[in-house]
């Protein structure tokens, strides 16, 4: 989760390319791109996770909300662009951290109306 937040934050001022087999990273990045959390909302997640001193990262995540995030699925040598909605639907198995992340995303969606 925190790695995904860091990668997302980097997109605020950099063009980055990430390749991963991790559904958790792609799932988290897709939700961040969809919900575009502000600093206070990110700090709420840090509170839930027991993370202290994340103000700078929270600010960068907020800035990244102006970035365009694209997803590609590569198979058989072909890169196919996937929408954020497609990636969001492919939810991986849950664990304690994923449960907290899902709870936080639900909280964000509820704030969005």
PDB file of N, CA and C in Angstrom:
ATOM      1  N   UNK A   1       0.815  -1.192   0.000  1.00  0.00           N
ATOM      2  CA  UNK A   1       0.000   0.000   0.000  1.00  0.00           C
ATOM      3  C   UNK A   1       0.856   1.252   0.000  1.00  0.00           C
ATOM      4  N   UNK A   2       1.797   1.343   0.931  1.00  0.00           N
ATOM      5  CA  UNK A   2       2.637   2.537   1.004  1.00  0.00           C
ATOM      6  C   UNK A   2       3.511   2.673  -0.239  1.00  0.00           C
ATOM      7  N   UNK A   3       3.969   1.549  -0.787  1.00  0.00           N
ATOM      8  CA  UNK A   3       4.750   1.590  -2.024  1.00  0.00           C
ATOM      9  C   UNK A   3       3.896   2.161  -3.158  1.00  0.00           C
ATOM     10  N   UNK A   4       2.659   1.764  -3.231  1.00  0.00           N
ATOM     11  CA  UNK A   4       1.758   2.279  -4.263  1.00  0.00           C
ATOM     12  C   UNK A   4       1.544   3.778  -4.092  1.00  0.00           C
ATOM     13  N   UNK A   5       1.378   4.237  -2.857  1.00  0.00           N
ATOM     14  CA  UNK A   5       1.220   5.665  -2.604  1.00  0.00           C
ATOM     15  C   UNK A   5       2.458   6.440  -3.048  1.00  0.00           C
ATOM     16  N   UNK A   6       3.627   5.881  -2.769  1.00  0.00           N
ATOM     17  CA  UNK A   6       4.867   6.528  -3.169  1.00  0.00           C
ATOM     18  C   UNK A   6       4.968   6.604  -4.695  1.00  0.00           C
ATOM     19  N   UNK A   7       4.672   5.515  -5.377  1.00  0.00           N
ATOM     20  CA  UNK A   7       4.714   5.504  -6.839  1.00  0.00           C
ATOM     21  C   UNK A   7       3.713   6.492  -7.423  1.00  0.00           C
ATOM     22  N   UNK A   8       2.529   6.516  -6.863  1.00  0.00           N
ATOM     23  CA  UNK A   8       1.497   7.455  -7.313  1.00  0.00           C
ATOM     24  C   UNK A   8       1.978   8.890  -7.101  1.00  0.00           C
ATOM     25  N   UNK A   9       2.552   9.171  -5.930  1.00  0.00           N
ATOM     26  CA  UNK A   9       3.046  10.514  -5.618  1.00  0.00           C
ATOM     27  C   UNK A   9       4.137  10.934  -6.598  1.00  0.00           C
ATOM     28  N   UNK A  10       4.983  10.012  -7.003  1.00  0.00           N
ATOM     29  CA  UNK A  10       6.045  10.335  -7.957  1.00  0.00           C
ATOM     30  C   UNK A  10       5.486  10.815  -9.293  1.00  0.00           C
ATOM     31  N   UNK A  11       4.291  10.378  -9.633  1.00  0.00           N
ATOM     32  CA  UNK A  11       3.703  10.765 -10.916  1.00  0.00           C
ATOM     33  C   UNK A  11       3.273  12.228 -10.939  1.00  0.00           C
ATOM     34  N   UNK A  12       3.306  12.891  -9.798  1.00  0.00           N
ATOM     35  CA  UNK A  12       2.925  14.307  -9.743  1.00  0.00           C
ATOM     36  C   UNK A  12       3.894  15.166 -10.540  1.00  0.00           C
ATOM     37  N   UNK A  13       5.163  14.794 -10.526  1.00  0.00           N
ATOM     38  CA  UNK A  13       6.164  15.626 -11.195  1.00  0.00           C
ATOM     39  C   UNK A  13       7.078  14.844 -12.128  1.00  0.00           C
ATOM     40  N   UNK A  14       6.756  13.587 -12.361  1.00  0.00           N
ATOM     41  CA  UNK A  14       7.593  12.735 -13.205  1.00  0.00           C
ATOM     42  C   UNK A  14       6.731  11.844 -14.079  1.00  0.00           C
ATOM     43  N   UNK A  15       7.241  11.525 -15.253  1.00  0.00           N
ATOM     44  CA  UNK A  15       6.620  10.465 -16.050  1.00  0.00           C
ATOM     45  C   UNK A  15       7.301   9.181 -15.606  1.00  0.00           C
ATOM     46  N   UNK A  16       6.511   8.238 -15.129  1.00  0.00           N
ATOM     47  CA  UNK A  16       7.093   6.981 -14.667  1.00  0.00           C
ATOM     48  C   UNK A  16       6.382   5.809 -15.328  1.00  0.00           C
ATOM     49  N   UNK A  17       7.126   4.725 -15.481  1.00  0.00           N
ATOM     50  CA  UNK A  17       6.583   3.483 -16.004  1.00  0.00           C
ATOM     51  C   UNK A  17       6.861   2.417 -14.955  1.00  0.00           C
ATOM     52  N   UNK A  18       5.830   1.705 -14.602  1.00  0.00           N
ATOM     53  CA  UNK A  18       5.940   0.651 -13.597  1.00  0.00           C
ATOM     54  C   UNK A  18       5.513  -0.656 -14.249  1.00  0.00           C
ATOM     55  N   UNK A  19       6.309  -1.672 -14.093  1.00  0.00           N
ATOM     56  CA  UNK A  19       5.870  -3.003 -14.507  1.00  0.00           C
ATOM     57  C   UNK A  19       5.794  -3.857 -13.253  1.00  0.00           C
ATOM     58  N   UNK A  20       4.726  -4.622 -13.146  1.00  0.00           N
ATOM     59  CA  UNK A  20       4.542  -5.429 -11.941  1.00  0.00           C
ATOM     60  C   UNK A  20       3.631  -6.623 -12.224  1.00  0.00           C
ATOM     61  N   UNK A  21       3.836  -7.651 -11.446  1.00  0.00           N
ATOM     62  CA  UNK A  21       2.896  -8.772 -11.419  1.00  0.00           C
ATOM     63  C   UNK A  21       1.960  -8.626 -10.221  1.00  0.00           C
ATOM     64  N   UNK A  22       2.196  -7.589  -9.434  1.00  0.00           N
ATOM     65  CA  UNK A  22       1.439  -7.399  -8.199  1.00  0.00           C
ATOM     66  C   UNK A  22       0.067  -6.811  -8.477  1.00  0.00           C
ATOM     67  N   UNK A  23      -0.948  -7.607  -8.214  1.00  0.00           N
ATOM     68  CA  UNK A  23      -2.313  -7.098  -8.340  1.00  0.00           C
ATOM     69  C   UNK A  23      -2.575  -6.013  -7.304  1.00  0.00           C
ATOM     70  N   UNK A  24      -1.955  -6.135  -6.141  1.00  0.00           N
ATOM     71  CA  UNK A  24      -2.162  -5.161  -5.079  1.00  0.00           C
ATOM     72  C   UNK A  24      -1.687  -3.784  -5.514  1.00  0.00           C
ATOM     73  N   UNK A  25      -0.510  -3.703  -6.135  1.00  0.00           N
ATOM     74  CA  UNK A  25       0.003  -2.409  -6.582  1.00  0.00           C
ATOM     75  C   UNK A  25      -0.881  -1.838  -7.679  1.00  0.00           C
ATOM     76  N   UNK A  26      -1.215  -2.630  -8.681  1.00  0.00           N
ATOM     77  CA  UNK A  26      -2.038  -2.097  -9.779  1.00  0.00           C
ATOM     78  C   UNK A  26      -3.441  -1.738  -9.283  1.00  0.00           C
ATOM     79  N   UNK A  27      -3.996  -2.552  -8.407  1.00  0.00           N
ATOM     80  CA  UNK A  27      -5.318  -2.297  -7.836  1.00  0.00           C
ATOM     81  C   UNK A  27      -5.316  -0.988  -7.047  1.00  0.00           C
ATOM     82  N   UNK A  28      -4.299  -0.802  -6.214  1.00  0.00           N
ATOM     83  CA  UNK A  28      -4.194   0.402  -5.402  1.00  0.00           C
ATOM     84  C   UNK A  28      -4.000   1.636  -6.279  1.00  0.00           C
ATOM     85  N   UNK A  29      -3.117   1.547  -7.270  1.00  0.00           N
ATOM     86  CA  UNK A  29      -2.899   2.677  -8.174  1.00  0.00           C
ATOM     87  C   UNK A  29      -4.185   3.038  -8.920  1.00  0.00           C
ATOM     88  N   UNK A  30      -4.938   2.037  -9.326  1.00  0.00           N
ATOM     89  CA  UNK A  30      -6.198   2.300 -10.033  1.00  0.00           C
ATOM     90  C   UNK A  30      -7.188   3.029  -9.136  1.00  0.00           C
ATOM     91  N   UNK A  31      -7.306   2.605  -7.890  1.00  0.00           N
ATOM     92  CA  UNK A  31      -8.218   3.284  -6.967  1.00  0.00           C
ATOM     93  C   UNK A  31      -7.746   4.702  -6.659  1.00  0.00           C
ATOM     94  N   UNK A  32      -6.442   4.895  -6.532  1.00  0.00           N
ATOM     95  CA  UNK A  32      -5.925   6.242  -6.308  1.00  0.00           C
ATOM     96  C   UNK A  32      -6.234   7.135  -7.503  1.00  0.00           C
ATOM     97  N   UNK A  33      -6.045   6.603  -8.708  1.00  0.00           N
ATOM     98  CA  UNK A  33      -6.328   7.376  -9.918  1.00  0.00           C
ATOM     99  C   UNK A  33      -7.815   7.694 -10.039  1.00  0.00           C
ATOM    100  N   UNK A  34      -8.639   6.808  -9.544  1.00  0.00           N
ATOM    101  CA  UNK A  34     -10.091   7.009  -9.644  1.00  0.00           C
ATOM    102  C   UNK A  34     -10.622   7.958  -8.578  1.00  0.00           C
ATOM    103  N   UNK A  35     -10.141   7.825  -7.347  1.00  0.00           N
ATOM    104  CA  UNK A  35     -10.684   8.625  -6.243  1.00  0.00           C
ATOM    105  C   UNK A  35      -9.957   9.948  -6.030  1.00  0.00           C
ATOM    106  N   UNK A  36      -8.704  10.045  -6.482  1.00  0.00           N
ATOM    107  CA  UNK A  36      -7.913  11.273  -6.366  1.00  0.00           C
ATOM    108  C   UNK A  36      -7.974  11.861  -4.950  1.00  0.00           C
ATOM    109  N   UNK A  37      -7.445  11.127  -3.966  1.00  0.00           N
ATOM    110  CA  UNK A  37      -7.549  11.585  -2.576  1.00  0.00           C
ATOM    111  C   UNK A  37      -6.753  12.863  -2.310  1.00  0.00           C
ATOM    112  N   UNK A  38      -7.280  13.676  -1.386  1.00  0.00           N
ATOM    113  CA  UNK A  38      -6.562  14.888  -0.985  1.00  0.00           C
ATOM    114  C   UNK A  38      -5.671  14.560   0.218  1.00  0.00           C
ATOM    115  N   UNK A  39      -4.896  15.540   0.641  1.00  0.00           N
ATOM    116  CA  UNK A  39      -3.934  15.339   1.727  1.00  0.00           C
ATOM    117  C   UNK A  39      -4.603  14.812   2.999  1.00  0.00           C
ATOM    118  N   UNK A  40      -5.702  15.424   3.397  1.00  0.00           N
ATOM    119  CA  UNK A  40      -6.390  14.996   4.611  1.00  0.00           C
ATOM    120  C   UNK A  40      -6.878  13.557   4.529  1.00  0.00           C
ATOM    121  N   UNK A  41      -7.324  13.160   3.354  1.00  0.00           N
ATOM    122  CA  UNK A  41      -7.810  11.790   3.170  1.00  0.00           C
ATOM    123  C   UNK A  41      -6.666  10.787   3.251  1.00  0.00           C
ATOM    124  N   UNK A  42      -5.508  11.156   2.719  1.00  0.00           N
ATOM    125  CA  UNK A  42      -4.335  10.276   2.814  1.00  0.00           C
ATOM    126  C   UNK A  42      -3.876  10.183   4.266  1.00  0.00           C
ATOM    127  N   UNK A  43      -3.904  11.295   4.964  1.00  0.00           N
ATOM    128  CA  UNK A  43      -3.522  11.274   6.377  1.00  0.00           C
ATOM    129  C   UNK A  43      -4.470  10.397   7.191  1.00  0.00           C
ATOM    130  N   UNK A  44      -5.731  10.314   6.792  1.00  0.00           N
ATOM    131  CA  UNK A  44      -6.695   9.418   7.449  1.00  0.00           C
ATOM    132  C   UNK A  44      -6.240   7.962   7.291  1.00  0.00           C
ATOM    133  N   UNK A  45      -5.780   7.609   6.090  1.00  0.00           N
ATOM    134  CA  UNK A  45      -5.252   6.249   5.873  1.00  0.00           C
ATOM    135  C   UNK A  45      -4.045   6.005   6.768  1.00  0.00           C
ATOM    136  N   UNK A  46      -3.128   6.966   6.821  1.00  0.00           N
ATOM    137  CA  UNK A  46      -1.939   6.807   7.655  1.00  0.00           C
ATOM    138  C   UNK A  46      -2.328   6.599   9.115  1.00  0.00           C
ATOM    139  N   UNK A  47      -3.334   7.315   9.570  1.00  0.00           N
ATOM    140  CA  UNK A  47      -3.833   7.144  10.939  1.00  0.00           C
ATOM    141  C   UNK A  47      -4.341   5.714  11.135  1.00  0.00           C
ATOM    142  N   UNK A  48      -5.107   5.212  10.159  1.00  0.00           N
ATOM    143  CA  UNK A  48      -5.643   3.850  10.251  1.00  0.00           C
ATOM    144  C   UNK A  48      -4.524   2.805  10.286  1.00  0.00           C
ATOM    145  N   UNK A  49      -3.427   3.078   9.562  1.00  0.00           N
ATOM    146  CA  UNK A  49      -2.303   2.136   9.486  1.00  0.00           C
ATOM    147  C   UNK A  49      -1.281   2.346  10.603  1.00  0.00           C
ATOM    148  N   UNK A  50      -1.443   3.420  11.373  1.00  0.00           N
ATOM    149  CA  UNK A  50      -0.480   3.711  12.432  1.00  0.00           C
ATOM    150  C   UNK A  50       0.802   4.332  11.911  1.00  0.00           C
ATOM    151  N   UNK A  51       0.754   4.963  10.740  1.00  0.00           N
ATOM    152  CA  UNK A  51       1.927   5.610  10.140  1.00  0.00           C
ATOM    153  C   UNK A  51       1.973   7.059  10.610  1.00  0.00           C
ATOM    154  N   UNK A  52       3.147   7.492  11.075  1.00  0.00           N
ATOM    155  CA  UNK A  52       3.311   8.868  11.540  1.00  0.00           C
ATOM    156  C   UNK A  52       4.279   9.601  10.616  1.00  0.00           C
ATOM    157  N   UNK A  53       4.113  10.911  10.526  1.00  0.00           N
ATOM    158  CA  UNK A  53       5.039  11.738   9.764  1.00  0.00           C
ATOM    159  C   UNK A  53       4.889  11.618   8.256  1.00  0.00           C
ATOM    160  N   UNK A  54       3.680  11.393   7.758  1.00  0.00           N
ATOM    161  CA  UNK A  54       3.476  11.226   6.329  1.00  0.00           C
ATOM    162  C   UNK A  54       2.934  12.454   5.623  1.00  0.00           C
ATOM    163  N   UNK A  55       3.108  13.632   6.222  1.00  0.00           N
ATOM    164  CA  UNK A  55       2.528  14.849   5.646  1.00  0.00           C
ATOM    165  C   UNK A  55       3.048  15.157   4.244  1.00  0.00           C
ATOM    166  N   UNK A  56       4.357  15.030   4.036  1.00  0.00           N
ATOM    167  CA  UNK A  56       4.937  15.343   2.725  1.00  0.00           C
ATOM    168  C   UNK A  56       4.419  14.365   1.670  1.00  0.00           C
ATOM    169  N   UNK A  57       4.395  13.083   2.001  1.00  0.00           N
ATOM    170  CA  UNK A  57       3.875  12.090   1.061  1.00  0.00           C
ATOM    171  C   UNK A  57       2.407  12.368   0.760  1.00  0.00           C
ATOM    172  N   UNK A  58       1.635  12.716   1.778  1.00  0.00           N
ATOM    173  CA  UNK A  58       0.215  13.014   1.581  1.00  0.00           C
ATOM    174  C   UNK A  58       0.036  14.208   0.639  1.00  0.00           C
ATOM    175  N   UNK A  59       0.883  15.219   0.778  1.00  0.00           N
ATOM    176  CA  UNK A  59       0.821  16.373  -0.123  1.00  0.00           C
ATOM    177  C   UNK A  59       1.129  15.972  -1.565  1.00  0.00           C
ATOM    178  N   UNK A  60       2.132  15.128  -1.752  1.00  0.00           N
ATOM    179  CA  UNK A  60       2.513  14.691  -3.097  1.00  0.00           C
ATOM    180  C   UNK A  60       1.431  13.807  -3.732  1.00  0.00           C
ATOM    181  N   UNK A  61       0.770  12.993  -2.919  1.00  0.00           N
ATOM    182  CA  UNK A  61      -0.343  12.188  -3.430  1.00  0.00           C
ATOM    183  C   UNK A  61      -1.448  13.116  -3.924  1.00  0.00           C
ATOM    184  N   UNK A  62      -1.731  14.157  -3.164  1.00  0.00           N
ATOM    185  CA  UNK A  62      -2.751  15.122  -3.580  1.00  0.00           C
ATOM    186  C   UNK A  62      -2.360  15.773  -4.906  1.00  0.00           C
ATOM    187  N   UNK A  63      -1.096  16.168  -5.059  1.00  0.00           N
ATOM    188  CA  UNK A  63      -0.624  16.771  -6.311  1.00  0.00           C
ATOM    189  C   UNK A  63      -0.762  15.791  -7.478  1.00  0.00           C
ATOM    190  N   UNK A  64      -0.515  14.520  -7.209  1.00  0.00           N
ATOM    191  CA  UNK A  64      -0.579  13.502  -8.268  1.00  0.00           C
ATOM    192  C   UNK A  64      -1.992  13.319  -8.807  1.00  0.00           C
ATOM    193  N   UNK A  65      -2.964  13.784  -8.077  1.00  0.00           N
ATOM    194  CA  UNK A  65      -4.346  13.652  -8.525  1.00  0.00           C
ATOM    195  C   UNK A  65      -4.609  14.414  -9.823  1.00  0.00           C
ATOM    196  N   UNK A  66      -3.697  15.289 -10.207  1.00  0.00           N
ATOM    197  CA  UNK A  66      -3.812  15.996 -11.479  1.00  0.00           C
ATOM    198  C   UNK A  66      -3.131  15.241 -12.621  1.00  0.00           C
ATOM    199  N   UNK A  67      -2.467  14.134 -12.305  1.00  0.00           N
ATOM    200  CA  UNK A  67      -1.751  13.346 -13.310  1.00  0.00           C
ATOM    201  C   UNK A  67      -2.686  12.355 -13.979  1.00  0.00           C
ATOM    202  N   UNK A  68      -2.359  11.983 -15.198  1.00  0.00           N
ATOM    203  CA  UNK A  68      -3.121  10.949 -15.904  1.00  0.00           C
ATOM    204  C   UNK A  68      -2.370   9.632 -15.734  1.00  0.00           C
ATOM    205  N   UNK A  69      -3.041   8.646 -15.195  1.00  0.00           N
ATOM    206  CA  UNK A  69      -2.461   7.336 -14.984  1.00  0.00           C
ATOM    207  C   UNK A  69      -3.059   6.378 -16.004  1.00  0.00           C
ATOM    208  N   UNK A  70      -2.198   5.658 -16.708  1.00  0.00           N
ATOM    209  CA  UNK A  70      -2.659   4.677 -17.697  1.00  0.00           C
ATOM    210  C   UNK A  70      -2.200   3.288 -17.269  1.00  0.00           C
ATOM    211  N   UNK A  71      -3.008   2.300 -17.622  1.00  0.00           N
ATOM    212  CA  UNK A  71      -2.699   0.906 -17.302  1.00  0.00           C
ATOM    213  C   UNK A  71      -2.661   0.086 -18.584  1.00  0.00           C
ATOM    214  N   UNK A  72      -1.700  -0.819 -18.642  1.00  0.00           N
ATOM    215  CA  UNK A  72      -1.578  -1.707 -19.791  1.00  0.00           C
ATOM    216  C   UNK A  72      -1.424  -3.135 -19.299  1.00  0.00           C
ATOM    217  N   UNK A  73      -2.053  -4.046 -19.993  1.00  0.00           N
ATOM    218  CA  UNK A  73      -1.905  -5.472 -19.731  1.00  0.00           C
ATOM    219  C   UNK A  73      -1.109  -6.035 -20.898  1.00  0.00           C
ATOM    220  N   UNK A  74       0.048  -6.603 -20.590  1.00  0.00           N
ATOM    221  CA  UNK A  74       0.911  -7.132 -21.639  1.00  0.00           C
ATOM    222  C   UNK A  74       0.784  -8.650 -21.660  1.00  0.00           C
ATOM    223  N   UNK A  75       0.450  -9.172 -22.828  1.00  0.00           N
ATOM    224  CA  UNK A  75       0.351 -10.627 -23.001  1.00  0.00           C
ATOM    225  C   UNK A  75       0.686 -10.963 -24.446  1.00  0.00           C
ATOM    226  N   UNK A  76       1.391 -12.049 -24.632  1.00  0.00           N
ATOM    227  CA  UNK A  76       1.782 -12.517 -25.962  1.00  0.00           C
ATOM    228  C   UNK A  76       2.457 -11.418 -26.781  1.00  0.00           C
ATOM    229  N   UNK A  77       3.269 -10.583 -26.125  1.00  0.00           N
ATOM    230  CA  UNK A  77       3.992  -9.521 -26.805  1.00  0.00           C
ATOM    231  C   UNK A  77       3.145  -8.329 -27.214  1.00  0.00           C
ATOM    232  N   UNK A  78       1.921  -8.266 -26.746  1.00  0.00           N
ATOM    233  CA  UNK A  78       1.013  -7.174 -27.105  1.00  0.00           C
ATOM    234  C   UNK A  78       0.623  -6.426 -25.823  1.00  0.00           C
ATOM    235  N   UNK A  79       0.712  -5.089 -25.874  1.00  0.00           N
ATOM    236  CA  UNK A  79       0.295  -4.252 -24.751  1.00  0.00           C
ATOM    237  C   UNK A  79      -1.111  -3.733 -25.040  1.00  0.00           C
ATOM    238  N   UNK A  80      -2.029  -4.060 -24.162  1.00  0.00           N
ATOM    239  CA  UNK A  80      -3.424  -3.649 -24.304  1.00  0.00           C
ATOM    240  C   UNK A  80      -3.750  -2.654 -23.195  1.00  0.00           C
ATOM    241  N   UNK A  81      -4.195  -1.450 -23.576  1.00  0.00           N
ATOM    242  CA  UNK A  81      -4.550  -0.462 -22.559  1.00  0.00           C
ATOM    243  C   UNK A  81      -5.826  -0.894 -21.844  1.00  0.00           C
ATOM    244  N   UNK A  82      -5.812  -0.749 -20.521  1.00  0.00           N
ATOM    245  CA  UNK A  82      -6.969  -1.072 -19.689  1.00  0.00           C
ATOM    246  C   UNK A  82      -7.460   0.204 -19.023  1.00  0.00           C
ATOM    247  N   UNK A  83      -8.741   0.345 -18.885  1.00  0.00           N
ATOM    248  CA  UNK A  83      -9.285   1.510 -18.193  1.00  0.00           C
ATOM    249  C   UNK A  83      -9.094   1.340 -16.681  1.00  0.00           C
ATOM    250  N   UNK A  84      -9.139   2.456 -15.983  1.00  0.00           N
ATOM    251  CA  UNK A  84      -9.064   2.415 -14.524  1.00  0.00           C
ATOM    252  C   UNK A  84     -10.182   1.533 -13.981  1.00  0.00           C
ATOM    253  N   UNK A  85     -11.369   1.650 -14.561  1.00  0.00           N
ATOM    254  CA  UNK A  85     -12.508   0.850 -14.107  1.00  0.00           C
ATOM    255  C   UNK A  85     -12.243  -0.649 -14.268  1.00  0.00           C
ATOM    256  N   UNK A  86     -11.597  -1.047 -15.369  1.00  0.00           N
ATOM    257  CA  UNK A  86     -11.262  -2.465 -15.566  1.00  0.00           C
ATOM    258  C   UNK A  86     -10.323  -2.961 -14.470  1.00  0.00           C
ATOM    259  N   UNK A  87      -9.318  -2.155 -14.153  1.00  0.00           N
ATOM    260  CA  UNK A  87      -8.344  -2.559 -13.136  1.00  0.00           C
ATOM    261  C   UNK A  87      -8.995  -2.609 -11.763  1.00  0.00           C
ATOM    262  N   UNK A  88      -9.874  -1.659 -11.467  1.00  0.00           N
ATOM    263  CA  UNK A  88     -10.557  -1.610 -10.167  1.00  0.00           C
ATOM    264  C   UNK A  88     -11.389  -2.872  -9.944  1.00  0.00           C
ATOM    265  N   UNK A  89     -11.994  -3.374 -10.990  1.00  0.00           N
ATOM    266  CA  UNK A  89     -12.857  -4.566 -10.852  1.00  0.00           C
ATOM    267  C   UNK A  89     -12.084  -5.841 -10.530  1.00  0.00           C
ATOM    268  N   UNK A  90     -10.798  -5.882 -10.843  1.00  0.00           N
ATOM    269  CA  UNK A  90     -10.001  -7.084 -10.618  1.00  0.00           C
ATOM    270  C   UNK A  90      -9.381  -7.057  -9.234  1.00  0.00           C
ATOM    271  N   UNK A  91     -10.211  -7.334  -8.226  1.00  0.00           N
ATOM    272  CA  UNK A  91      -9.782  -7.231  -6.840  1.00  0.00           C
ATOM    273  C   UNK A  91      -9.045  -8.486  -6.388  1.00  0.00           C
ATOM    274  N   UNK A  92      -7.832  -8.294  -5.833  1.00  0.00           N
ATOM    275  CA  UNK A  92      -7.081  -9.446  -5.329  1.00  0.00           C
ATOM    276  C   UNK A  92      -7.641  -9.945  -4.005  1.00  0.00           C
ATOM    277  N   UNK A  93      -7.097 -11.041  -3.503  1.00  0.00           N
ATOM    278  CA  UNK A  93      -7.476 -11.557  -2.194  1.00  0.00           C
ATOM    279  C   UNK A  93      -7.171 -10.535  -1.119  1.00  0.00           C
ATOM    280  N   UNK A  94      -7.850 -10.642   0.004  1.00  0.00           N
ATOM    281  CA  UNK A  94      -7.673  -9.640   1.049  1.00  0.00           C
ATOM    282  C   UNK A  94      -6.801 -10.162   2.180  1.00  0.00           C
ATOM    283  N   UNK A  95      -6.208  -9.240   2.884  1.00  0.00           N
ATOM    284  CA  UNK A  95      -5.448  -9.508   4.101  1.00  0.00           C
ATOM    285  C   UNK A  95      -5.786  -8.361   5.043  1.00  0.00           C
ATOM    286  N   UNK A  96      -5.130  -8.315   6.192  1.00  0.00           N
ATOM    287  CA  UNK A  96      -5.426  -7.247   7.138  1.00  0.00           C
ATOM    288  C   UNK A  96      -5.192  -5.870   6.519  1.00  0.00           C
ATOM    289  N   UNK A  97      -4.089  -5.687   5.812  1.00  0.00           N
ATOM    290  CA  UNK A  97      -3.789  -4.395   5.190  1.00  0.00           C
ATOM    291  C   UNK A  97      -4.772  -4.100   4.073  1.00  0.00           C
ATOM    292  N   UNK A  98      -5.094  -5.095   3.246  1.00  0.00           N
ATOM    293  CA  UNK A  98      -6.050  -4.883   2.164  1.00  0.00           C
ATOM    294  C   UNK A  98      -7.420  -4.522   2.728  1.00  0.00           C
ATOM    295  N   UNK A  99      -7.803  -5.139   3.829  1.00  0.00           N
ATOM    296  CA  UNK A  99      -9.084  -4.798   4.453  1.00  0.00           C
ATOM    297  C   UNK A  99      -9.103  -3.322   4.864  1.00  0.00           C
ATOM    298  N   UNK A 100      -7.987  -2.844   5.426  1.00  0.00           N
ATOM    299  CA  UNK A 100      -7.900  -1.432   5.799  1.00  0.00           C
ATOM    300  C   UNK A 100      -7.934  -0.556   4.560  1.00  0.00           C
ATOM    301  N   UNK A 101      -7.240  -0.978   3.510  1.00  0.00           N
ATOM    302  CA  UNK A 101      -7.227  -0.205   2.276  1.00  0.00           C
ATOM    303  C   UNK A 101      -8.637  -0.131   1.679  1.00  0.00           C
ATOM    304  N   UNK A 102      -9.313  -1.247   1.657  1.00  0.00           N
ATOM    305  CA  UNK A 102     -10.679  -1.275   1.115  1.00  0.00           C
ATOM    306  C   UNK A 102     -11.591  -0.385   1.953  1.00  0.00           C
ATOM    307  N   UNK A 103     -11.428  -0.454   3.267  1.00  0.00           N
ATOM    308  CA  UNK A 103     -12.216   0.399   4.155  1.00  0.00           C
ATOM    309  C   UNK A 103     -11.961   1.868   3.848  1.00  0.00           C
ATOM    310  N   UNK A 104     -10.699   2.212   3.619  1.00  0.00           N
ATOM    311  CA  UNK A 104     -10.354   3.592   3.307  1.00  0.00           C
ATOM    312  C   UNK A 104     -10.946   4.020   1.958  1.00  0.00           C
ATOM    313  N   UNK A 105     -10.846   3.149   0.931  1.00  0.00           N
ATOM    314  CA  UNK A 105     -11.428   3.492  -0.362  1.00  0.00           C
ATOM    315  C   UNK A 105     -12.950   3.641  -0.238  1.00  0.00           C
ATOM    316  N   UNK A 106     -13.598   2.776   0.547  1.00  0.00           N
ATOM    317  CA  UNK A 106     -15.043   2.923   0.763  1.00  0.00           C
ATOM    318  C   UNK A 106     -15.351   4.275   1.399  1.00  0.00           C
ATOM    319  N   UNK A 107     -14.525   4.674   2.359  1.00  0.00           N
ATOM    320  CA  UNK A 107     -14.689   5.970   3.005  1.00  0.00           C
ATOM    321  C   UNK A 107     -14.546   7.092   1.985  1.00  0.00           C
ATOM    322  N   UNK A 108     -13.528   6.979   1.091  1.00  0.00           N
ATOM    323  CA  UNK A 108     -13.347   7.989   0.041  1.00  0.00           C
ATOM    324  C   UNK A 108     -14.550   8.056  -0.887  1.00  0.00           C
ATOM    325  N   UNK A 109     -15.034   6.892  -1.332  1.00  0.00           N
ATOM    326  CA  UNK A 109     -16.198   6.874  -2.238  1.00  0.00           C
ATOM    327  C   UNK A 109     -17.418   7.486  -1.560  1.00  0.00           C
ATOM    328  N   UNK A 110     -17.610   7.221  -0.270  1.00  0.00           N
ATOM    329  CA  UNK A 110     -18.755   7.769   0.448  1.00  0.00           C
ATOM    330  C   UNK A 110     -18.650   9.298   0.512  1.00  0.00           C
ATOM    331  N   UNK A 111     -17.453   9.831   0.634  1.00  0.00           N
ATOM    332  CA  UNK A 111     -17.251  11.285   0.653  1.00  0.00           C
ATOM    333  C   UNK A 111     -17.525  11.903  -0.711  1.00  0.00           C
ATOM    334  N   UNK A 112     -17.371  11.099  -1.769  1.00  0.00           N
ATOM    335  CA  UNK A 112     -17.561  11.617  -3.121  1.00  0.00           C
ATOM    336  C   UNK A 112     -19.038  11.652  -3.513  1.00  0.00           C
ATOM    337  N   UNK A 113     -19.869  10.993  -2.710  1.00  0.00           N
ATOM    338  CA  UNK A 113     -21.315  11.014  -2.949  1.00  0.00           C
ATOM    339  C   UNK A 113     -21.707  10.069  -3.946  1.00  0.00           C
TER     340      UNK A 113
END
